[in-house]
């Protein structure tokens, strides 16, 4: 749950991708171009879901969670370092892959981790906690972006995203492996 909260706080920057790339600092891309770059998100969601589903079935879904957290870090680094159309395409591509990791890997970890007789309660409670944190993080992100600029928000989000990656790497175990032990 802590890893999900850290990752969610780190990815509260999603609405700011379009704002950033439409700004002069982000390359001044037009609305139509940003929407077209957003197609990279849909493409990578589809590819990521297919790959992660197969990998997860074969080796477990922890790997997908680590890939998703790493792609989140990549996305935010791209936002910080690469203005213009190429940066926009890569950022949206990374977003799509992150989303596929949530849909495939995180959701399967939930199913494999929580005891069957109380799975719905665990998932519902976890989603409620993460949802409340997402609301608060989004509000704070807007305040930070307005007060200290979007790039500052990206840097703060990078710190949360790196913390999420490290948490998943060091603390999350593959449920299939722990059942075999």
N, C-alpha and C. Protein backbone atom coordinates (compact mmCIF):
# COMPACT_ATOMS: atom_id res chain seq x y z
N UNK A 1 0.82 -1.19 0.00
CA UNK A 1 0.00 0.00 0.00
C UNK A 1 0.87 1.26 0.00
N UNK A 2 1.94 1.24 0.77
CA UNK A 2 2.83 2.41 0.82
C UNK A 2 3.45 2.66 -0.56
N UNK A 3 3.86 1.61 -1.23
CA UNK A 3 4.42 1.77 -2.57
C UNK A 3 3.42 2.38 -3.53
N UNK A 4 2.18 1.93 -3.46
CA UNK A 4 1.13 2.49 -4.32
C UNK A 4 0.90 3.97 -4.02
N UNK A 5 0.92 4.33 -2.75
CA UNK A 5 0.74 5.73 -2.37
C UNK A 5 1.89 6.58 -2.88
N UNK A 6 3.13 6.11 -2.71
CA UNK A 6 4.28 6.85 -3.20
C UNK A 6 4.22 7.02 -4.72
N UNK A 7 3.87 5.95 -5.42
CA UNK A 7 3.78 6.01 -6.89
C UNK A 7 2.66 6.96 -7.32
N UNK A 8 1.54 6.91 -6.65
CA UNK A 8 0.43 7.79 -6.98
C UNK A 8 0.80 9.25 -6.76
N UNK A 9 1.46 9.54 -5.65
CA UNK A 9 1.90 10.90 -5.39
C UNK A 9 2.92 11.34 -6.44
N UNK A 10 3.76 10.43 -6.85
CA UNK A 10 4.75 10.75 -7.88
C UNK A 10 4.15 11.00 -9.24
N UNK A 11 3.00 10.40 -9.51
CA UNK A 11 2.41 10.52 -10.84
C UNK A 11 1.24 11.48 -10.87
N UNK A 12 1.14 12.34 -9.85
CA UNK A 12 0.09 13.36 -9.86
C UNK A 12 0.38 14.43 -10.91
N UNK A 13 1.48 14.27 -11.62
CA UNK A 13 1.87 15.25 -12.64
C UNK A 13 1.20 14.99 -13.99
N UNK A 14 0.46 13.91 -14.13
CA UNK A 14 -0.11 13.56 -15.44
C UNK A 14 -0.84 14.71 -16.12
N UNK A 15 -1.73 15.42 -15.45
CA UNK A 15 -2.42 16.51 -16.15
C UNK A 15 -1.48 17.63 -16.59
N UNK A 16 -0.32 17.72 -15.97
CA UNK A 16 0.61 18.79 -16.27
C UNK A 16 1.48 18.50 -17.49
N UNK A 17 1.43 17.29 -18.01
CA UNK A 17 2.22 16.98 -19.21
C UNK A 17 1.78 17.87 -20.36
N UNK A 18 0.48 17.92 -20.61
CA UNK A 18 -0.03 18.76 -21.70
C UNK A 18 0.23 20.24 -21.42
N UNK A 19 0.06 20.64 -20.18
CA UNK A 19 0.30 22.04 -19.81
C UNK A 19 1.76 22.40 -20.08
N UNK A 20 2.66 21.53 -19.67
CA UNK A 20 4.09 21.79 -19.84
C UNK A 20 4.48 21.87 -21.32
N UNK A 21 4.08 20.88 -22.11
CA UNK A 21 4.51 20.86 -23.50
C UNK A 21 3.83 21.94 -24.35
N UNK A 22 2.75 22.52 -23.86
CA UNK A 22 2.15 23.64 -24.58
C UNK A 22 2.82 24.97 -24.20
N UNK A 23 3.57 24.97 -23.11
CA UNK A 23 4.25 26.19 -22.68
C UNK A 23 5.52 26.43 -23.50
N UNK A 24 6.03 27.64 -23.44
CA UNK A 24 7.27 27.97 -24.14
C UNK A 24 8.43 27.11 -23.65
N UNK A 25 8.50 26.90 -22.34
CA UNK A 25 9.59 26.10 -21.78
C UNK A 25 9.53 24.65 -22.25
N UNK A 26 8.33 24.13 -22.49
CA UNK A 26 8.16 22.76 -22.93
C UNK A 26 8.19 22.57 -24.43
N UNK A 27 8.37 23.64 -25.17
CA UNK A 27 8.47 23.53 -26.61
C UNK A 27 7.35 24.23 -27.37
N UNK A 28 6.35 24.71 -26.66
CA UNK A 28 5.27 25.45 -27.30
C UNK A 28 4.46 24.64 -28.30
N UNK A 29 4.27 23.37 -28.03
CA UNK A 29 3.52 22.52 -28.96
C UNK A 29 2.05 22.92 -28.97
N UNK A 30 1.43 22.80 -30.13
CA UNK A 30 0.01 23.11 -30.25
C UNK A 30 -0.83 21.99 -29.65
N UNK A 31 -2.08 22.32 -29.37
CA UNK A 31 -2.99 21.34 -28.76
C UNK A 31 -3.12 20.08 -29.59
N UNK A 32 -3.28 20.24 -30.90
CA UNK A 32 -3.42 19.09 -31.78
C UNK A 32 -2.20 18.19 -31.77
N UNK A 33 -1.02 18.80 -31.72
CA UNK A 33 0.22 18.03 -31.68
C UNK A 33 0.33 17.26 -30.37
N UNK A 34 -0.05 17.88 -29.27
CA UNK A 34 0.02 17.20 -27.97
C UNK A 34 -0.94 16.01 -27.96
N UNK A 35 -2.12 16.20 -28.49
CA UNK A 35 -3.09 15.09 -28.57
C UNK A 35 -2.52 13.98 -29.45
N UNK A 36 -1.90 14.33 -30.56
CA UNK A 36 -1.30 13.32 -31.43
C UNK A 36 -0.17 12.58 -30.71
N UNK A 37 0.65 13.30 -29.96
CA UNK A 37 1.71 12.65 -29.17
C UNK A 37 1.11 11.71 -28.13
N UNK A 38 -0.07 12.07 -27.64
CA UNK A 38 -0.76 11.23 -26.66
C UNK A 38 -1.11 9.86 -27.21
N UNK A 39 -1.11 9.70 -28.54
CA UNK A 39 -1.35 8.38 -29.13
C UNK A 39 -0.28 7.39 -28.70
N UNK A 40 0.91 7.89 -28.38
CA UNK A 40 1.97 7.02 -27.86
C UNK A 40 1.55 6.33 -26.59
N UNK A 41 0.73 7.02 -25.80
CA UNK A 41 0.23 6.43 -24.56
C UNK A 41 -0.66 5.23 -24.85
N UNK A 42 -1.57 5.38 -25.78
CA UNK A 42 -2.48 4.28 -26.12
C UNK A 42 -1.71 3.10 -26.69
N UNK A 43 -0.76 3.40 -27.57
CA UNK A 43 0.05 2.34 -28.18
C UNK A 43 0.83 1.57 -27.12
N UNK A 44 1.50 2.29 -26.23
CA UNK A 44 2.32 1.60 -25.22
C UNK A 44 1.46 0.89 -24.18
N UNK A 45 0.24 1.38 -23.93
CA UNK A 45 -0.67 0.65 -23.03
C UNK A 45 -1.01 -0.71 -23.62
N UNK A 46 -1.31 -0.74 -24.90
CA UNK A 46 -1.66 -2.00 -25.55
C UNK A 46 -0.46 -2.96 -25.57
N UNK A 47 0.67 -2.47 -25.99
CA UNK A 47 1.88 -3.32 -26.05
C UNK A 47 2.26 -3.77 -24.64
N UNK A 48 2.27 -2.84 -23.71
CA UNK A 48 2.63 -3.17 -22.33
C UNK A 48 1.71 -4.21 -21.72
N UNK A 49 0.42 -4.09 -21.96
CA UNK A 49 -0.53 -5.05 -21.40
C UNK A 49 -0.28 -6.45 -21.94
N UNK A 50 0.00 -6.54 -23.23
CA UNK A 50 0.28 -7.86 -23.81
C UNK A 50 1.57 -8.46 -23.25
N UNK A 51 2.61 -7.65 -23.20
CA UNK A 51 3.90 -8.15 -22.70
C UNK A 51 3.82 -8.49 -21.22
N UNK A 52 3.25 -7.59 -20.43
CA UNK A 52 3.20 -7.80 -18.99
C UNK A 52 2.29 -8.96 -18.61
N UNK A 53 1.23 -9.15 -19.35
CA UNK A 53 0.36 -10.29 -19.07
C UNK A 53 1.10 -11.60 -19.25
N UNK A 54 1.84 -11.72 -20.35
CA UNK A 54 2.61 -12.94 -20.61
C UNK A 54 3.74 -13.11 -19.60
N UNK A 55 4.49 -12.04 -19.35
CA UNK A 55 5.58 -12.11 -18.38
C UNK A 55 5.05 -12.46 -16.99
N UNK A 56 3.96 -11.81 -16.61
CA UNK A 56 3.39 -12.06 -15.29
C UNK A 56 2.90 -13.47 -15.12
N UNK A 57 2.25 -14.01 -16.14
CA UNK A 57 1.79 -15.40 -16.07
C UNK A 57 2.97 -16.36 -15.95
N UNK A 58 4.05 -16.05 -16.63
CA UNK A 58 5.21 -16.94 -16.63
C UNK A 58 6.09 -16.79 -15.39
N UNK A 59 6.33 -15.54 -14.99
CA UNK A 59 7.33 -15.30 -13.94
C UNK A 59 6.81 -14.59 -12.70
N UNK A 60 5.58 -14.15 -12.72
CA UNK A 60 5.02 -13.40 -11.61
C UNK A 60 4.91 -11.93 -11.95
N UNK A 61 4.10 -11.22 -11.18
CA UNK A 61 3.77 -9.83 -11.52
C UNK A 61 4.62 -8.79 -10.81
N UNK A 62 5.51 -9.20 -9.93
CA UNK A 62 6.42 -8.24 -9.29
C UNK A 62 7.28 -7.54 -10.33
N UNK A 63 7.73 -8.28 -11.32
CA UNK A 63 8.54 -7.71 -12.39
C UNK A 63 7.80 -6.56 -13.09
N UNK A 64 6.52 -6.73 -13.35
CA UNK A 64 5.74 -5.68 -13.98
C UNK A 64 5.62 -4.44 -13.12
N UNK A 65 5.51 -4.64 -11.82
CA UNK A 65 5.45 -3.49 -10.91
C UNK A 65 6.76 -2.72 -10.94
N UNK A 66 7.87 -3.44 -10.97
CA UNK A 66 9.18 -2.78 -11.04
C UNK A 66 9.35 -2.05 -12.38
N UNK A 67 8.93 -2.67 -13.46
CA UNK A 67 9.01 -2.02 -14.78
C UNK A 67 8.15 -0.75 -14.79
N UNK A 68 6.95 -0.84 -14.25
CA UNK A 68 6.07 0.32 -14.21
C UNK A 68 6.65 1.47 -13.41
N UNK A 69 7.21 1.15 -12.26
CA UNK A 69 7.82 2.21 -11.43
C UNK A 69 9.04 2.81 -12.13
N UNK A 70 9.81 1.97 -12.81
CA UNK A 70 10.97 2.48 -13.55
C UNK A 70 10.52 3.37 -14.71
N UNK A 71 9.45 2.98 -15.40
CA UNK A 71 8.94 3.81 -16.50
C UNK A 71 8.38 5.12 -15.98
N UNK A 72 7.85 5.11 -14.78
CA UNK A 72 7.37 6.35 -14.17
C UNK A 72 8.54 7.30 -13.95
N UNK A 73 9.64 6.77 -13.45
CA UNK A 73 10.84 7.60 -13.25
C UNK A 73 11.32 8.12 -14.60
N UNK A 74 11.36 7.24 -15.61
CA UNK A 74 11.78 7.66 -16.95
C UNK A 74 10.90 8.80 -17.46
N UNK A 75 9.60 8.66 -17.30
CA UNK A 75 8.67 9.69 -17.76
C UNK A 75 8.98 11.03 -17.13
N UNK A 76 9.20 11.05 -15.84
CA UNK A 76 9.42 12.33 -15.16
C UNK A 76 10.80 12.90 -15.50
N UNK A 77 11.80 12.05 -15.67
CA UNK A 77 13.11 12.54 -16.11
C UNK A 77 12.98 13.17 -17.50
N UNK A 78 12.21 12.53 -18.38
CA UNK A 78 11.98 13.10 -19.72
C UNK A 78 11.31 14.46 -19.60
N UNK A 79 10.33 14.57 -18.72
CA UNK A 79 9.65 15.86 -18.53
C UNK A 79 10.62 16.95 -18.08
N UNK A 80 11.56 16.58 -17.26
CA UNK A 80 12.52 17.56 -16.73
C UNK A 80 13.57 17.94 -17.78
N UNK A 81 14.01 16.97 -18.57
CA UNK A 81 15.16 17.19 -19.43
C UNK A 81 14.87 17.41 -20.92
N UNK A 82 13.71 16.99 -21.41
CA UNK A 82 13.50 16.99 -22.86
C UNK A 82 12.24 17.73 -23.28
N UNK A 83 12.36 19.01 -23.57
CA UNK A 83 11.22 19.74 -24.12
C UNK A 83 11.03 19.36 -25.60
N UNK A 84 9.92 19.76 -26.16
CA UNK A 84 9.68 19.55 -27.58
C UNK A 84 8.93 18.27 -27.89
N UNK A 85 8.77 18.03 -29.19
CA UNK A 85 7.92 16.95 -29.64
C UNK A 85 8.45 15.57 -29.25
N UNK A 86 9.75 15.35 -29.36
CA UNK A 86 10.30 14.04 -29.01
C UNK A 86 10.08 13.75 -27.52
N UNK A 87 10.32 14.74 -26.67
CA UNK A 87 10.09 14.56 -25.24
C UNK A 87 8.63 14.25 -24.95
N UNK A 88 7.73 14.94 -25.64
CA UNK A 88 6.29 14.73 -25.45
C UNK A 88 5.89 13.31 -25.83
N UNK A 89 6.40 12.83 -26.96
CA UNK A 89 6.10 11.46 -27.40
C UNK A 89 6.61 10.45 -26.39
N UNK A 90 7.86 10.60 -25.97
CA UNK A 90 8.46 9.64 -25.03
C UNK A 90 7.74 9.69 -23.68
N UNK A 91 7.40 10.88 -23.22
CA UNK A 91 6.70 11.00 -21.94
C UNK A 91 5.36 10.28 -21.99
N UNK A 92 4.59 10.51 -23.04
CA UNK A 92 3.29 9.83 -23.14
C UNK A 92 3.45 8.33 -23.35
N UNK A 93 4.46 7.91 -24.06
CA UNK A 93 4.73 6.48 -24.22
C UNK A 93 4.99 5.84 -22.84
N UNK A 94 5.82 6.51 -22.03
CA UNK A 94 6.11 6.01 -20.69
C UNK A 94 4.86 5.98 -19.82
N UNK A 95 4.01 7.00 -19.95
CA UNK A 95 2.75 7.02 -19.19
C UNK A 95 1.91 5.79 -19.53
N UNK A 96 1.78 5.50 -20.82
CA UNK A 96 0.99 4.34 -21.23
C UNK A 96 1.52 3.04 -20.66
N UNK A 97 2.83 2.90 -20.66
CA UNK A 97 3.41 1.67 -20.11
C UNK A 97 3.16 1.59 -18.61
N UNK A 98 3.25 2.72 -17.92
CA UNK A 98 2.95 2.74 -16.48
C UNK A 98 1.50 2.31 -16.22
N UNK A 99 0.59 2.84 -17.01
CA UNK A 99 -0.83 2.49 -16.85
C UNK A 99 -1.04 1.00 -17.08
N UNK A 100 -0.37 0.44 -18.08
CA UNK A 100 -0.52 -1.00 -18.31
C UNK A 100 0.01 -1.80 -17.13
N UNK A 101 1.05 -1.30 -16.50
CA UNK A 101 1.59 -1.99 -15.32
C UNK A 101 0.59 -1.98 -14.17
N UNK A 102 -0.11 -0.88 -14.02
CA UNK A 102 -1.13 -0.81 -12.97
C UNK A 102 -2.25 -1.80 -13.27
N UNK A 103 -2.76 -1.76 -14.51
CA UNK A 103 -3.88 -2.62 -14.87
C UNK A 103 -3.52 -4.09 -14.81
N UNK A 104 -2.37 -4.46 -15.28
CA UNK A 104 -2.02 -5.87 -15.34
C UNK A 104 -1.31 -6.31 -14.06
N UNK A 105 -0.18 -5.71 -13.76
CA UNK A 105 0.68 -6.22 -12.68
C UNK A 105 0.14 -5.92 -11.30
N UNK A 106 -0.20 -4.67 -11.03
CA UNK A 106 -0.71 -4.33 -9.69
C UNK A 106 -2.00 -5.09 -9.40
N UNK A 107 -2.91 -5.10 -10.35
CA UNK A 107 -4.19 -5.78 -10.10
C UNK A 107 -4.00 -7.27 -9.88
N UNK A 108 -3.11 -7.89 -10.60
CA UNK A 108 -2.86 -9.32 -10.39
C UNK A 108 -2.16 -9.59 -9.07
N UNK A 109 -1.28 -8.70 -8.67
CA UNK A 109 -0.66 -8.84 -7.34
C UNK A 109 -1.73 -8.81 -6.26
N UNK A 110 -2.71 -7.90 -6.40
CA UNK A 110 -3.81 -7.85 -5.43
C UNK A 110 -4.51 -9.20 -5.36
N UNK A 111 -4.86 -9.71 -6.50
CA UNK A 111 -5.60 -10.98 -6.55
C UNK A 111 -4.77 -12.10 -5.94
N UNK A 112 -3.49 -12.12 -6.19
CA UNK A 112 -2.63 -13.18 -5.68
C UNK A 112 -2.25 -13.01 -4.22
N UNK A 113 -2.30 -11.79 -3.71
CA UNK A 113 -1.81 -11.50 -2.36
C UNK A 113 -2.88 -11.62 -1.29
N UNK A 114 -4.06 -11.06 -1.54
CA UNK A 114 -5.06 -10.99 -0.50
C UNK A 114 -5.79 -12.32 -0.34
N UNK A 115 -6.08 -12.70 0.89
CA UNK A 115 -6.82 -13.94 1.14
C UNK A 115 -8.19 -13.89 0.47
N UNK A 116 -8.61 -14.99 -0.08
CA UNK A 116 -9.83 -15.04 -0.88
C UNK A 116 -11.07 -14.58 -0.10
N UNK A 117 -11.19 -14.97 1.15
CA UNK A 117 -12.41 -14.68 1.90
C UNK A 117 -12.59 -13.20 2.24
N UNK A 118 -11.52 -12.40 2.13
CA UNK A 118 -11.67 -10.96 2.41
C UNK A 118 -11.01 -10.10 1.33
N UNK A 119 -10.83 -10.65 0.16
CA UNK A 119 -10.15 -9.96 -0.94
C UNK A 119 -10.86 -8.65 -1.31
N UNK A 120 -12.17 -8.68 -1.44
CA UNK A 120 -12.91 -7.49 -1.84
C UNK A 120 -12.72 -6.37 -0.81
N UNK A 121 -12.77 -6.71 0.46
CA UNK A 121 -12.59 -5.71 1.51
C UNK A 121 -11.18 -5.12 1.46
N UNK A 122 -10.17 -5.96 1.28
CA UNK A 122 -8.79 -5.48 1.20
C UNK A 122 -8.58 -4.56 0.00
N UNK A 123 -9.06 -4.99 -1.16
CA UNK A 123 -8.88 -4.19 -2.37
C UNK A 123 -9.65 -2.88 -2.27
N UNK A 124 -10.86 -2.94 -1.77
CA UNK A 124 -11.67 -1.72 -1.64
C UNK A 124 -11.04 -0.73 -0.67
N UNK A 125 -10.59 -1.21 0.46
CA UNK A 125 -9.95 -0.34 1.45
C UNK A 125 -8.66 0.25 0.90
N UNK A 126 -7.86 -0.58 0.25
CA UNK A 126 -6.62 -0.09 -0.34
C UNK A 126 -6.88 0.97 -1.39
N UNK A 127 -7.85 0.72 -2.26
CA UNK A 127 -8.18 1.70 -3.30
C UNK A 127 -8.73 2.99 -2.71
N UNK A 128 -9.48 2.89 -1.64
CA UNK A 128 -10.00 4.08 -0.98
C UNK A 128 -8.86 4.93 -0.42
N UNK A 129 -7.92 4.28 0.25
CA UNK A 129 -6.77 5.00 0.82
C UNK A 129 -5.95 5.65 -0.29
N UNK A 130 -5.66 4.89 -1.34
CA UNK A 130 -4.87 5.44 -2.45
C UNK A 130 -5.63 6.56 -3.15
N UNK A 131 -6.94 6.40 -3.30
CA UNK A 131 -7.76 7.44 -3.93
C UNK A 131 -7.74 8.75 -3.16
N UNK A 132 -7.86 8.66 -1.86
CA UNK A 132 -7.81 9.88 -1.03
C UNK A 132 -6.43 10.53 -1.16
N UNK A 133 -5.38 9.73 -1.14
CA UNK A 133 -4.03 10.28 -1.31
C UNK A 133 -3.86 10.92 -2.69
N UNK A 134 -4.47 10.33 -3.71
CA UNK A 134 -4.39 10.87 -5.07
C UNK A 134 -5.08 12.23 -5.15
N UNK A 135 -6.20 12.36 -4.50
CA UNK A 135 -6.91 13.64 -4.48
C UNK A 135 -6.06 14.72 -3.80
N UNK A 136 -5.53 14.39 -2.65
CA UNK A 136 -4.70 15.36 -1.92
C UNK A 136 -3.46 15.70 -2.72
N UNK A 137 -2.81 14.69 -3.30
CA UNK A 137 -1.59 14.93 -4.09
C UNK A 137 -1.88 15.82 -5.30
N UNK A 138 -3.01 15.59 -5.95
CA UNK A 138 -3.36 16.40 -7.12
C UNK A 138 -3.61 17.86 -6.74
N UNK A 139 -4.29 18.08 -5.64
CA UNK A 139 -4.53 19.45 -5.17
C UNK A 139 -3.20 20.13 -4.83
N UNK A 140 -2.35 19.41 -4.10
CA UNK A 140 -1.04 19.98 -3.76
C UNK A 140 -0.19 20.21 -5.00
N UNK A 141 -0.30 19.32 -5.99
CA UNK A 141 0.46 19.50 -7.24
C UNK A 141 0.05 20.79 -7.93
N UNK A 142 -1.23 21.07 -7.96
CA UNK A 142 -1.69 22.32 -8.55
C UNK A 142 -1.14 23.54 -7.83
N UNK A 143 -1.11 23.45 -6.53
CA UNK A 143 -0.57 24.57 -5.73
C UNK A 143 0.92 24.74 -6.00
N UNK A 144 1.67 23.64 -6.00
CA UNK A 144 3.11 23.71 -6.25
C UNK A 144 3.38 24.26 -7.65
N UNK A 145 2.66 23.76 -8.65
CA UNK A 145 2.87 24.23 -10.02
C UNK A 145 2.57 25.72 -10.15
N UNK A 146 1.53 26.18 -9.48
CA UNK A 146 1.17 27.60 -9.56
C UNK A 146 2.17 28.49 -8.83
N UNK A 147 2.65 27.99 -7.72
CA UNK A 147 3.53 28.82 -6.88
C UNK A 147 4.99 28.74 -7.30
N UNK A 148 5.48 27.51 -7.60
CA UNK A 148 6.91 27.33 -7.85
C UNK A 148 7.24 26.80 -9.25
N UNK A 149 6.30 26.75 -10.13
CA UNK A 149 6.47 26.34 -11.53
C UNK A 149 6.40 24.81 -11.68
N UNK A 150 6.06 24.41 -12.87
CA UNK A 150 5.83 22.99 -13.18
C UNK A 150 7.10 22.17 -13.03
N UNK A 151 8.25 22.71 -13.41
CA UNK A 151 9.49 21.93 -13.31
C UNK A 151 9.80 21.58 -11.86
N UNK A 152 9.50 22.46 -10.94
CA UNK A 152 9.67 22.14 -9.52
C UNK A 152 8.75 20.99 -9.12
N UNK A 153 7.52 21.03 -9.62
CA UNK A 153 6.60 19.93 -9.36
C UNK A 153 7.16 18.63 -9.91
N UNK A 154 7.73 18.66 -11.11
CA UNK A 154 8.30 17.45 -11.71
C UNK A 154 9.43 16.91 -10.84
N UNK A 155 10.24 17.77 -10.30
CA UNK A 155 11.36 17.32 -9.46
C UNK A 155 10.86 16.68 -8.16
N UNK A 156 9.84 17.26 -7.57
CA UNK A 156 9.25 16.66 -6.36
C UNK A 156 8.63 15.31 -6.71
N UNK A 157 7.95 15.25 -7.84
CA UNK A 157 7.34 14.00 -8.28
C UNK A 157 8.39 12.94 -8.57
N UNK A 158 9.53 13.35 -9.10
CA UNK A 158 10.62 12.41 -9.34
C UNK A 158 11.09 11.79 -8.03
N UNK A 159 11.19 12.58 -6.98
CA UNK A 159 11.61 12.04 -5.68
C UNK A 159 10.61 11.00 -5.17
N UNK A 160 9.31 11.29 -5.29
CA UNK A 160 8.29 10.31 -4.88
C UNK A 160 8.36 9.06 -5.75
N UNK A 161 8.57 9.24 -7.03
CA UNK A 161 8.61 8.11 -7.95
C UNK A 161 9.82 7.22 -7.69
N UNK A 162 10.94 7.83 -7.41
CA UNK A 162 12.14 7.05 -7.08
C UNK A 162 11.95 6.31 -5.76
N UNK A 163 11.30 6.96 -4.81
CA UNK A 163 11.01 6.29 -3.53
C UNK A 163 10.08 5.10 -3.76
N UNK A 164 9.09 5.25 -4.63
CA UNK A 164 8.18 4.14 -4.94
C UNK A 164 8.94 2.99 -5.57
N UNK A 165 9.81 3.30 -6.54
CA UNK A 165 10.60 2.25 -7.18
C UNK A 165 11.44 1.50 -6.15
N UNK A 166 12.12 2.24 -5.30
CA UNK A 166 12.96 1.60 -4.27
C UNK A 166 12.12 0.77 -3.30
N UNK A 167 10.95 1.26 -2.94
CA UNK A 167 10.07 0.51 -2.05
C UNK A 167 9.68 -0.82 -2.71
N UNK A 168 9.24 -0.75 -3.97
CA UNK A 168 8.85 -1.97 -4.68
C UNK A 168 10.03 -2.93 -4.82
N UNK A 169 11.20 -2.39 -5.10
CA UNK A 169 12.38 -3.21 -5.29
C UNK A 169 12.79 -3.92 -4.00
N UNK A 170 12.77 -3.18 -2.90
CA UNK A 170 13.30 -3.71 -1.64
C UNK A 170 12.25 -4.40 -0.77
N UNK A 171 10.99 -4.03 -0.89
CA UNK A 171 9.98 -4.53 0.05
C UNK A 171 8.92 -5.46 -0.53
N UNK A 172 8.68 -5.37 -1.83
CA UNK A 172 7.61 -6.19 -2.42
C UNK A 172 8.20 -7.50 -2.91
N UNK A 173 7.62 -8.59 -2.48
CA UNK A 173 8.05 -9.92 -2.88
C UNK A 173 7.00 -10.52 -3.81
N UNK A 174 7.44 -11.41 -4.64
CA UNK A 174 6.54 -12.12 -5.54
C UNK A 174 5.66 -13.05 -4.70
N UNK A 175 4.33 -12.88 -4.75
CA UNK A 175 3.45 -13.71 -3.93
C UNK A 175 3.60 -15.21 -4.19
N UNK A 176 3.85 -15.59 -5.42
CA UNK A 176 4.01 -17.01 -5.75
C UNK A 176 5.22 -17.60 -5.04
N UNK A 177 6.29 -16.82 -4.93
CA UNK A 177 7.50 -17.29 -4.26
C UNK A 177 7.29 -17.43 -2.76
N UNK A 178 6.59 -16.51 -2.15
CA UNK A 178 6.39 -16.56 -0.71
C UNK A 178 5.47 -17.71 -0.32
N UNK A 179 4.57 -18.13 -1.22
CA UNK A 179 3.72 -19.29 -0.93
C UNK A 179 4.51 -20.59 -1.01
N UNK A 180 5.57 -20.61 -1.82
CA UNK A 180 6.38 -21.81 -1.96
C UNK A 180 7.34 -22.00 -0.80
N UNK A 181 7.69 -20.90 -0.11
CA UNK A 181 8.67 -20.97 0.97
C UNK A 181 8.15 -21.71 2.17
